[in-house]
Amino acid sequence: MDEPKPLTSAFTKTANFSIHEVDEVFRDAAQPAAGAAARAARPPVTLPPILGPLSAFTGTFTGQGFNTIFRPDSKITPTPMPGPISTTDPDDNVLELNLTDETMSFSNNLGSIPNRGSLQQADAFLNGVPYLQTINDITTGTPVGIHFEPGIWLAVPATTNPHEPFTVARMASIPHGTTITAQGTALPPVAGKPTIAAIDITPFIGGNPGNKITFQNQTATNKTTRRLPQDLTALMASGKLTQAMITDPNTVLRDQIAHQTITQTIVIETSTKPGTPLTGGPLPAIPSPGPHPQAPSFAGGAANIAFLQGLPVPTPGGNGSNANAFQMDAVFWIETVVYDIDVPALPPGTPPVILQPRQRSNVPLVPSFVAAIPFVPNKGFKGGHVRVATTQIQYSQKVMLDFAGLTWPHVSVASLVPAAPVPIPDHLLPLT
């Protein structure tokens, strides 16, 4: 990342806003003396419910990715192609490919969210991390906004009814007219980098993933299909887009981590139909027995506006829907990445210095770092090599769309690093 991305605040909320139950407030108002005594007996600090793996979701991350989507192509408003069309593909779809630039911004956690239990289930106190995701297409070099997603990640404690372990949920709203609730679990942390399996974008017929139909617009060298961009010659020559990326978009994620030093990975598996993963990735994230996600086994889902669903009760893989999004599976990898940084000598009074890691030469996306020392007369940092660990987020997501009698995978992947320069810890910059 050469230059910090200009960012602006999209939302405003009351300073230090958090959610808490109101029971004690009402009791205190009704019985002031008893309330004062109860407050005096309470612990001085009440910690919010744990976030678990979601504690890594803090601050703002930016990065790069790749998006593939088969779009409906209407007979009334057909999509103009830049060049001639000569293909045996049906004229009911256009394959859109996007090289993407992304920002994922996380707000402070919401505190203690009370969910009331019934009968033998005690109240459950959740915590949550609001987020905002924006994605630009940068395929031609001109940024064009293609995605805006406000949402909340929830940390859900273990419960007895239903009998579930600690789980996470992602609730998101997409301005095309779809909202999703995806649930899942975080797998135990593993040492080193993740193993990222392939993900398939090939459509299939009749709601049966075994009946795949490969379209000519999936062949990168074909210049006369219904695809945007239609001619990929220049993009392939530059190495920005390859056949391997179209065949398996997760190629982009593996290329990012190929030359990185990753000490630990936490994997979060989520689905709007937990326990029933889609075929062809991204689940399961690791080859292990049992359902993926491993919990919960029900609830969640996707909801669409009438325009997208098309019919009151659409048939899986049938006709009638404009673009019915009926399931989303996603995997998030939270990685601890170690970078090597050469820090110059910092004499007393030196202002903060922005630095790039050595890995910039062979890793597609790296964060920047900042070296700053306190002012101590006659003392500075003599310079040297330091190693700093920071968080990287990668994800692979597949949304299934039904239209024109087929089911069409819509795949998005990205790698994200801290947007602001990562501070080099003081202990790595001793003053002498």
Protein backbone atom coordinates (compact mmCIF):
# COMPACT_ATOMS: atom_id res chain seq x y z
CA MET A 1 0.00 0.00 0.00
CA ASP A 2 1.82 3.08 -1.24
CA GLU A 3 -0.48 5.84 0.02
CA PRO A 4 -2.96 5.79 2.91
CA LYS A 5 -6.48 5.64 1.52
CA PRO A 6 -8.55 8.80 2.19
CA LEU A 7 -11.35 7.74 4.53
CA THR A 8 -14.38 9.48 5.96
CA SER A 9 -16.83 8.58 8.71
CA ALA A 10 -20.02 7.09 7.27
CA PHE A 11 -22.03 7.00 10.48
CA THR A 12 -22.23 9.04 13.66
CA LYS A 13 -23.26 7.62 17.04
CA THR A 14 -23.23 8.91 20.59
CA ALA A 15 -19.75 8.81 22.09
CA ASN A 16 -19.11 5.59 24.04
CA PHE A 17 -22.49 4.17 23.02
CA SER A 18 -23.08 0.61 24.17
CA ILE A 19 -26.06 -1.64 24.86
CA HIS A 20 -27.06 -2.82 28.34
CA GLU A 21 -30.18 -4.20 29.97
CA VAL A 22 -32.48 -1.59 31.52
CA ASP A 23 -33.77 -3.68 34.46
CA GLU A 24 -31.54 -2.07 37.10
CA VAL A 25 -32.32 1.43 35.84
CA PHE A 26 -36.05 0.84 36.32
CA ARG A 27 -35.53 -0.72 39.76
CA ASP A 28 -33.31 2.17 40.86
CA ALA A 29 -35.94 4.68 39.74
CA ALA A 30 -38.67 2.88 41.68
CA GLN A 31 -36.60 2.30 44.84
CA PRO A 32 -33.82 4.94 45.01
CA ALA A 33 -32.45 3.90 48.44
CA ALA A 34 -32.28 0.21 47.56
CA GLY A 35 -30.78 1.12 44.20
CA ALA A 36 -28.02 3.17 45.82
CA ALA A 37 -27.15 0.29 48.13
CA ALA A 38 -27.11 -2.17 45.24
CA ARG A 39 -24.84 0.08 43.19
CA ALA A 40 -22.39 0.35 46.07
CA ALA A 41 -22.23 -3.45 46.30
CA ARG A 42 -21.63 -3.99 42.60
CA PRO A 43 -18.15 -4.66 41.19
CA PRO A 44 -16.50 -1.38 40.09
CA VAL A 45 -16.12 -2.65 36.52
CA THR A 46 -18.44 -4.97 34.59
CA LEU A 47 -16.80 -6.41 31.52
CA PRO A 48 -18.86 -6.95 28.36
CA PRO A 49 -19.42 -10.49 27.07
CA ILE A 50 -16.43 -11.98 25.28
CA LEU A 51 -16.04 -11.47 21.56
CA GLY A 52 -13.87 -14.52 21.00
CA PRO A 53 -12.39 -14.45 17.49
CA LEU A 54 -14.32 -11.26 16.71
CA SER A 55 -11.90 -9.32 18.92
CA ALA A 56 -9.65 -9.14 15.84
CA PHE A 57 -12.30 -7.06 14.10
CA THR A 58 -11.18 -3.62 15.22
CA GLY A 59 -10.29 -0.49 13.29
CA THR A 60 -10.28 -0.19 9.52
CA PHE A 61 -8.84 -2.62 6.98
CA THR A 62 -8.27 -2.06 3.28
CA GLY A 63 -7.20 -4.38 0.53
CA GLN A 64 -7.69 -5.99 -2.82
CA GLY A 65 -9.78 -8.81 -4.17
CA PHE A 66 -11.66 -10.40 -7.03
CA ASN A 67 -15.39 -10.72 -7.70
CA THR A 68 -17.27 -12.90 -10.19
CA ILE A 69 -21.00 -12.71 -10.84
CA PHE A 70 -23.24 -14.09 -13.56
CA ARG A 71 -25.84 -11.33 -14.09
CA PRO A 72 -29.26 -11.80 -15.67
CA ASP A 73 -29.44 -10.30 -19.16
CA SER A 74 -32.95 -9.09 -19.90
CA LYS A 75 -34.57 -9.32 -23.32
CA ILE A 76 -36.00 -5.84 -22.68
CA THR A 77 -32.80 -4.18 -21.46
CA PRO A 78 -29.93 -6.30 -22.84
CA THR A 79 -26.39 -5.42 -21.79
CA PRO A 80 -24.41 -3.88 -24.68
CA MET A 81 -21.11 -5.63 -25.30
CA PRO A 82 -18.01 -3.61 -26.30
CA GLY A 83 -17.25 -5.95 -29.20
CA PRO A 84 -18.91 -8.50 -31.48
CA ILE A 85 -20.64 -11.53 -29.98
CA SER A 86 -20.04 -14.99 -31.39
CA THR A 87 -20.93 -17.66 -28.90
CA THR A 88 -23.16 -20.65 -28.35
CA ASP A 89 -23.89 -19.47 -24.78
CA PRO A 90 -27.54 -18.56 -24.16
CA ASP A 91 -28.28 -14.83 -24.17
CA ASP A 92 -29.78 -14.81 -20.66
CA ASN A 93 -26.62 -14.01 -18.70
CA VAL A 94 -23.49 -11.87 -18.60
CA LEU A 95 -20.41 -12.86 -16.61
CA GLU A 96 -18.99 -9.82 -14.83
CA LEU A 97 -15.41 -9.95 -13.50
CA ASN A 98 -14.17 -7.30 -11.09
CA LEU A 99 -10.72 -6.58 -9.75
CA THR A 100 -11.64 -4.89 -6.50
CA ASP A 101 -10.43 -2.37 -3.95
CA GLU A 102 -12.11 -2.78 -0.57
CA THR A 103 -12.52 -1.07 2.78
CA MET A 104 -13.87 -2.90 5.84
CA SER A 105 -14.38 -0.64 8.85
CA PHE A 106 -15.27 -1.97 12.32
CA SER A 107 -16.87 0.11 15.07
CA ASN A 108 -16.46 -0.35 18.83
CA ASN A 109 -18.20 -3.40 20.27
CA LEU A 110 -21.81 -2.94 21.39
CA GLY A 111 -21.33 -4.11 24.96
CA SER A 112 -23.86 -6.41 26.62
CA ILE A 113 -26.87 -7.23 24.43
CA PRO A 114 -29.57 -8.97 26.50
CA ASN A 115 -31.46 -11.82 24.86
CA ARG A 116 -34.14 -13.15 27.18
CA GLY A 117 -34.39 -16.88 27.72
CA SER A 118 -37.64 -18.78 28.13
CA LEU A 119 -38.50 -21.42 30.74
CA GLN A 120 -35.31 -23.36 31.50
CA GLN A 121 -33.03 -21.27 29.28
CA ALA A 122 -31.32 -18.45 31.18
CA ASP A 123 -30.91 -15.02 29.64
CA ALA A 124 -28.05 -14.86 27.17
CA PHE A 125 -25.88 -11.77 26.84
CA LEU A 126 -24.43 -11.25 23.38
CA ASN A 127 -21.81 -8.83 22.13
CA GLY A 128 -21.52 -7.38 18.68
CA VAL A 129 -19.18 -5.54 16.32
CA PRO A 130 -20.84 -3.26 13.74
CA TYR A 131 -19.06 -3.01 10.39
CA LEU A 132 -19.29 -1.26 7.06
CA GLN A 133 -17.92 -2.78 3.85
CA THR A 134 -17.47 -0.81 0.64
CA ILE A 135 -16.07 -2.24 -2.59
CA ASN A 136 -14.93 -0.49 -5.76
CA ASP A 137 -14.27 -2.06 -9.13
CA ILE A 138 -10.78 -1.02 -10.28
CA THR A 139 -10.48 -3.27 -13.33
CA THR A 140 -10.01 -0.35 -15.74
CA GLY A 141 -8.10 1.81 -13.26
CA THR A 142 -11.13 4.04 -12.62
CA PRO A 143 -12.79 3.24 -9.25
CA VAL A 144 -16.50 2.47 -9.54
CA GLY A 145 -18.56 1.59 -6.45
CA ILE A 146 -20.17 -1.85 -6.74
CA HIS A 147 -20.97 -2.91 -3.16
CA PHE A 148 -22.10 -1.29 0.09
CA GLU A 149 -22.80 -3.47 3.12
CA PRO A 150 -23.60 -2.35 6.65
CA GLY A 151 -23.82 -5.16 9.17
CA ILE A 152 -23.06 -6.58 12.60
CA TRP A 153 -20.97 -9.53 13.70
CA LEU A 154 -22.45 -11.15 16.82
CA ALA A 155 -20.74 -13.24 19.49
CA VAL A 156 -23.34 -15.65 20.89
CA PRO A 157 -22.57 -17.47 24.16
CA ALA A 158 -23.16 -21.19 24.67
CA THR A 159 -26.78 -22.06 25.46
CA THR A 160 -28.79 -25.05 26.67
CA ASN A 161 -31.92 -24.40 24.61
CA PRO A 162 -30.90 -24.78 21.90
CA HIS A 163 -27.92 -26.86 23.01
CA GLU A 164 -25.18 -24.98 21.17
CA PRO A 165 -21.58 -23.99 21.87
CA PHE A 166 -20.22 -20.46 21.49
CA THR A 167 -21.17 -19.33 17.99
CA VAL A 168 -20.89 -16.26 15.80
CA ALA A 169 -23.37 -14.68 13.42
CA ARG A 170 -23.06 -12.13 10.64
CA MET A 171 -26.09 -9.99 9.83
CA ALA A 172 -25.80 -7.92 6.66
CA SER A 173 -27.89 -5.75 4.35
CA ILE A 174 -27.15 -5.46 0.64
CA PRO A 175 -28.73 -2.58 -1.32
CA HIS A 176 -29.85 -4.81 -4.22
CA GLY A 177 -32.58 -5.96 -1.82
CA THR A 178 -31.14 -8.87 0.17
CA THR A 179 -30.49 -9.31 3.87
CA ILE A 180 -28.66 -12.28 5.35
CA THR A 181 -28.15 -13.91 8.72
CA ALA A 182 -25.22 -16.30 8.53
CA GLN A 183 -24.23 -18.39 11.54
CA GLY A 184 -21.19 -20.43 12.35
CA THR A 185 -18.25 -21.18 14.56
CA ALA A 186 -14.57 -20.42 14.83
CA LEU A 187 -12.28 -23.40 14.55
CA PRO A 188 -9.44 -23.75 17.07
CA PRO A 189 -6.39 -21.61 16.12
CA VAL A 190 -3.83 -23.41 14.01
CA ALA A 191 -0.13 -22.68 13.73
CA GLY A 192 1.02 -21.27 10.43
CA LYS A 193 -0.86 -20.27 7.31
CA PRO A 194 -4.22 -21.69 6.22
CA THR A 195 -4.87 -24.27 3.55
CA ILE A 196 -7.30 -22.59 1.18
CA ALA A 197 -9.22 -25.03 -1.02
CA ALA A 198 -10.60 -24.30 -4.48
CA ILE A 199 -13.94 -22.59 -5.08
CA ASP A 200 -16.01 -23.19 -8.23
CA ILE A 201 -18.09 -20.60 -10.12
CA THR A 202 -19.66 -23.00 -12.64
CA PRO A 203 -23.50 -22.77 -12.89
CA PHE A 204 -25.71 -25.83 -12.66
CA ILE A 205 -29.19 -26.81 -13.75
CA GLY A 206 -32.27 -28.02 -11.88
CA GLY A 207 -30.92 -27.16 -8.46
CA ASN A 208 -28.51 -30.10 -8.79
CA PRO A 209 -24.80 -29.19 -8.30
CA GLY A 210 -23.92 -32.37 -10.19
CA ASN A 211 -25.44 -30.98 -13.40
CA LYS A 212 -22.86 -28.29 -14.13
CA ILE A 213 -22.86 -26.28 -17.34
CA THR A 214 -19.60 -24.57 -18.26
CA PHE A 215 -20.12 -21.42 -20.32
CA GLN A 216 -17.79 -20.02 -22.96
CA ASN A 217 -17.57 -16.75 -21.04
CA GLN A 218 -15.62 -18.67 -18.38
CA THR A 219 -12.74 -19.07 -20.88
CA ALA A 220 -10.39 -16.11 -20.47
CA THR A 221 -9.06 -16.16 -24.04
CA ASN A 222 -12.53 -16.02 -25.62
CA LYS A 223 -13.07 -12.43 -26.79
CA THR A 224 -16.56 -12.74 -28.28
CA THR A 225 -18.72 -13.91 -25.37
CA ARG A 226 -21.18 -12.09 -23.15
CA ARG A 227 -18.71 -10.99 -20.49
CA LEU A 228 -17.51 -7.75 -18.92
CA PRO A 229 -14.68 -7.07 -19.59
CA GLN A 230 -15.17 -8.87 -22.87
CA ASP A 231 -11.55 -8.89 -24.09
CA LEU A 232 -9.14 -9.86 -21.31
CA THR A 233 -5.97 -9.77 -23.43
CA ALA A 234 -4.40 -6.71 -21.78
CA LEU A 235 -5.37 -7.81 -18.27
CA MET A 236 -3.84 -11.24 -18.83
CA ALA A 237 -0.68 -9.75 -20.33
CA SER A 238 -0.23 -7.61 -17.22
CA GLY A 239 -0.85 -10.58 -14.91
CA LYS A 240 -3.77 -8.80 -13.24
CA LEU A 241 -6.30 -11.42 -14.36
CA THR A 242 -5.71 -15.06 -15.25
CA GLN A 243 -7.64 -18.13 -16.28
CA ALA A 244 -6.73 -19.65 -12.92
CA MET A 245 -8.55 -16.80 -11.15
CA ILE A 246 -11.73 -17.38 -13.15
CA THR A 247 -11.59 -21.13 -12.64
CA ASP A 248 -10.83 -20.75 -8.92
CA PRO A 249 -11.07 -17.22 -7.45
CA ASN A 250 -9.38 -18.45 -4.26
CA THR A 251 -6.19 -18.41 -6.34
CA VAL A 252 -6.00 -14.71 -5.41
CA LEU A 253 -5.95 -15.58 -1.69
CA ARG A 254 -3.28 -18.24 -2.06
CA ASP A 255 -1.10 -15.87 -4.08
CA GLN A 256 -1.30 -13.33 -1.23
CA ILE A 257 -0.05 -15.75 1.45
CA ALA A 258 2.44 -17.71 -0.68
CA HIS A 259 5.46 -15.71 0.52
CA GLN A 260 4.15 -14.51 3.88
CA THR A 261 5.27 -15.56 7.35
CA ILE A 262 2.02 -16.43 9.12
CA THR A 263 2.35 -17.65 12.69
CA GLN A 264 -1.33 -18.35 13.46
CA THR A 265 -4.66 -18.62 11.68
CA ILE A 266 -8.18 -18.54 13.11
CA VAL A 267 -10.86 -19.83 10.74
CA ILE A 268 -14.50 -18.69 10.95
CA GLU A 269 -17.01 -20.74 8.96
CA THR A 270 -20.47 -19.26 8.38
CA SER A 271 -23.55 -20.10 6.35
CA THR A 272 -27.15 -18.93 5.98
CA LYS A 273 -27.99 -22.66 5.99
CA PRO A 274 -25.62 -23.95 8.68
CA GLY A 275 -24.95 -27.65 8.50
CA THR A 276 -25.78 -27.75 4.77
CA PRO A 277 -22.75 -26.29 2.97
CA LEU A 278 -22.73 -25.58 -0.74
CA THR A 279 -20.71 -27.84 -2.99
CA GLY A 280 -17.54 -26.54 -4.59
CA GLY A 281 -16.43 -24.37 -1.68
CA PRO A 282 -15.78 -22.28 0.25
CA LEU A 283 -16.86 -24.75 2.97
CA PRO A 284 -15.49 -26.78 4.55
CA ALA A 285 -12.50 -24.60 5.28
CA ILE A 286 -10.53 -27.61 6.51
CA PRO A 287 -11.10 -31.33 5.80
CA SER A 288 -12.67 -32.50 9.05
CA PRO A 289 -15.64 -34.72 9.88
CA GLY A 290 -19.02 -33.36 10.82
CA PRO A 291 -21.11 -30.50 9.48
CA HIS A 292 -19.63 -27.20 8.37
CA PRO A 293 -20.18 -24.89 10.12
CA GLN A 294 -20.03 -27.21 13.10
CA ALA A 295 -22.83 -25.26 14.82
CA PRO A 296 -25.59 -24.22 14.94
CA SER A 297 -27.57 -26.70 12.86
CA PHE A 298 -30.60 -24.54 12.05
CA ALA A 299 -32.00 -20.98 11.67
CA GLY A 300 -30.35 -18.15 9.77
CA GLY A 301 -31.23 -17.47 6.15
CA ALA A 302 -31.44 -15.01 3.27
CA ALA A 303 -34.40 -12.72 2.53
CA ASN A 304 -35.02 -10.91 -0.76
CA ILE A 305 -37.32 -8.19 -2.00
CA ALA A 306 -40.11 -9.32 -4.32
CA PHE A 307 -38.26 -8.13 -7.44
CA LEU A 308 -35.36 -10.49 -6.80
CA GLN A 309 -37.44 -13.50 -5.69
CA GLY A 310 -39.82 -13.08 -8.63
CA LEU A 311 -42.33 -15.67 -7.40
CA PRO A 312 -44.08 -16.26 -4.06
CA VAL A 313 -42.46 -19.71 -3.79
CA PRO A 314 -39.63 -20.03 -6.31
CA THR A 315 -38.50 -23.52 -7.32
CA PRO A 316 -34.79 -24.22 -6.64
CA GLY A 317 -32.98 -23.73 -9.93
CA GLY A 318 -36.27 -22.93 -11.66
CA ASN A 319 -37.55 -20.11 -13.83
CA GLY A 320 -39.32 -16.96 -12.68
CA SER A 321 -36.78 -15.33 -10.36
CA ASN A 322 -34.89 -12.22 -11.42
CA ALA A 323 -31.97 -13.11 -9.14
CA ASN A 324 -33.10 -15.00 -6.04
CA ALA A 325 -30.23 -15.16 -3.53
CA PHE A 326 -31.12 -18.25 -1.51
CA GLN A 327 -27.89 -19.17 0.28
CA MET A 328 -24.55 -17.65 1.25
CA ASP A 329 -21.51 -19.51 2.61
CA ALA A 330 -18.37 -17.68 3.70
CA VAL A 331 -15.03 -18.40 5.34
CA PHE A 332 -12.97 -15.74 7.10
CA TRP A 333 -9.31 -16.38 7.88
CA ILE A 334 -7.85 -14.16 10.63
CA GLU A 335 -4.08 -14.41 10.23
CA THR A 336 -1.18 -13.17 12.31
CA VAL A 337 1.45 -12.05 9.81
CA VAL A 338 5.05 -11.16 10.70
CA TYR A 339 6.83 -8.48 8.65
CA ASP A 340 10.50 -7.50 8.45
CA ILE A 341 11.16 -3.76 8.60
CA ASP A 342 14.42 -1.87 8.24
CA VAL A 343 14.22 1.15 10.53
CA PRO A 344 16.69 3.99 9.88
CA ALA A 345 18.50 5.80 12.65
CA LEU A 346 16.12 8.10 14.52
CA PRO A 347 17.98 10.96 16.22
CA PRO A 348 16.29 12.85 19.09
CA GLY A 349 13.35 14.91 17.84
CA THR A 350 12.81 12.87 14.67
CA PRO A 351 9.13 13.01 13.59
CA PRO A 352 7.29 9.71 12.97
CA VAL A 353 8.58 7.85 9.90
CA ILE A 354 6.34 5.76 7.62
CA LEU A 355 8.09 2.58 6.47
CA GLN A 356 7.40 -0.30 4.09
CA PRO A 357 8.29 -3.91 4.98
CA ARG A 358 10.84 -5.95 3.07
CA GLN A 359 8.01 -8.25 1.92
CA ARG A 360 6.67 -5.52 -0.34
CA SER A 361 8.75 -6.92 -3.20
CA ASN A 362 7.06 -10.34 -3.33
CA VAL A 363 3.68 -9.99 -1.55
CA PRO A 364 0.79 -8.38 -3.51
CA LEU A 365 -0.58 -6.46 -0.52
CA VAL A 366 1.29 -5.25 2.59
CA PRO A 367 0.51 -2.70 5.29
CA SER A 368 2.76 0.23 6.09
CA PHE A 369 4.38 0.80 9.48
CA VAL A 370 5.24 3.85 11.56
CA ALA A 371 8.33 4.29 13.70
CA ALA A 372 8.04 6.96 16.39
CA ILE A 373 10.20 7.65 19.42
CA PRO A 374 9.56 9.90 22.41
CA PHE A 375 11.71 12.99 22.76
CA VAL A 376 14.53 12.38 25.20
CA PRO A 377 17.45 14.83 24.95
CA ASN A 378 20.59 13.23 23.51
CA LYS A 379 18.91 9.83 23.03
CA GLY A 380 17.65 8.24 19.85
CA PHE A 381 17.25 4.90 18.08
CA LYS A 382 20.43 3.75 16.35
CA GLY A 383 18.58 1.99 13.53
CA GLY A 384 18.20 -1.66 12.67
CA HIS A 385 15.98 -4.53 11.57
CA VAL A 386 12.79 -5.28 13.50
CA ARG A 387 10.01 -7.86 13.11
CA VAL A 388 6.41 -6.79 13.74
CA ALA A 389 3.26 -8.94 13.80
CA THR A 390 -0.12 -7.62 12.71
CA THR A 391 -3.53 -8.92 11.62
CA GLN A 392 -4.55 -9.81 8.09
CA ILE A 393 -8.13 -10.77 7.18
CA GLN A 394 -8.93 -12.91 4.16
CA TYR A 395 -12.33 -14.15 3.12
CA SER A 396 -13.99 -16.26 0.46
CA GLN A 397 -17.74 -15.98 -0.05
CA LYS A 398 -20.22 -17.67 -2.35
CA VAL A 399 -23.80 -16.50 -2.89
CA MET A 400 -26.13 -18.70 -4.93
CA LEU A 401 -28.47 -16.91 -7.35
CA ASP A 402 -31.39 -18.54 -9.16
CA PHE A 403 -32.60 -17.17 -12.51
CA ALA A 404 -33.28 -18.42 -16.03
CA GLY A 405 -33.65 -22.03 -14.88
CA LEU A 406 -30.13 -22.31 -13.49
CA THR A 407 -28.29 -21.71 -10.24
CA TRP A 408 -25.39 -19.28 -10.60
CA PRO A 409 -22.53 -19.02 -8.06
CA HIS A 410 -21.50 -15.45 -7.21
CA VAL A 411 -18.01 -15.53 -5.64
CA SER A 412 -16.15 -12.73 -3.87
CA VAL A 413 -12.69 -12.97 -2.29
CA ALA A 414 -10.34 -10.42 -0.74
CA SER A 415 -7.26 -9.91 1.41
CA LEU A 416 -7.34 -7.00 3.88
CA VAL A 417 -4.64 -5.35 5.99
CA PRO A 418 -4.76 -2.43 8.47
CA ALA A 419 -5.54 0.82 6.67
CA ALA A 420 -3.50 3.05 8.99
CA PRO A 421 0.25 2.56 9.43
CA VAL A 422 0.90 -0.09 12.10
CA PRO A 423 2.87 1.34 15.06
CA ILE A 424 6.18 -0.38 15.72
CA PRO A 425 6.17 -1.26 19.46
CA ASP A 426 8.35 0.94 21.65
CA HIS A 427 10.38 -1.97 22.98
CA LEU A 428 11.67 -2.63 19.46
CA LEU A 429 13.00 0.93 19.25
CA PRO A 430 15.25 1.24 22.34
CA LEU A 431 16.80 4.64 22.97
CA THR A 432 20.55 4.87 23.48
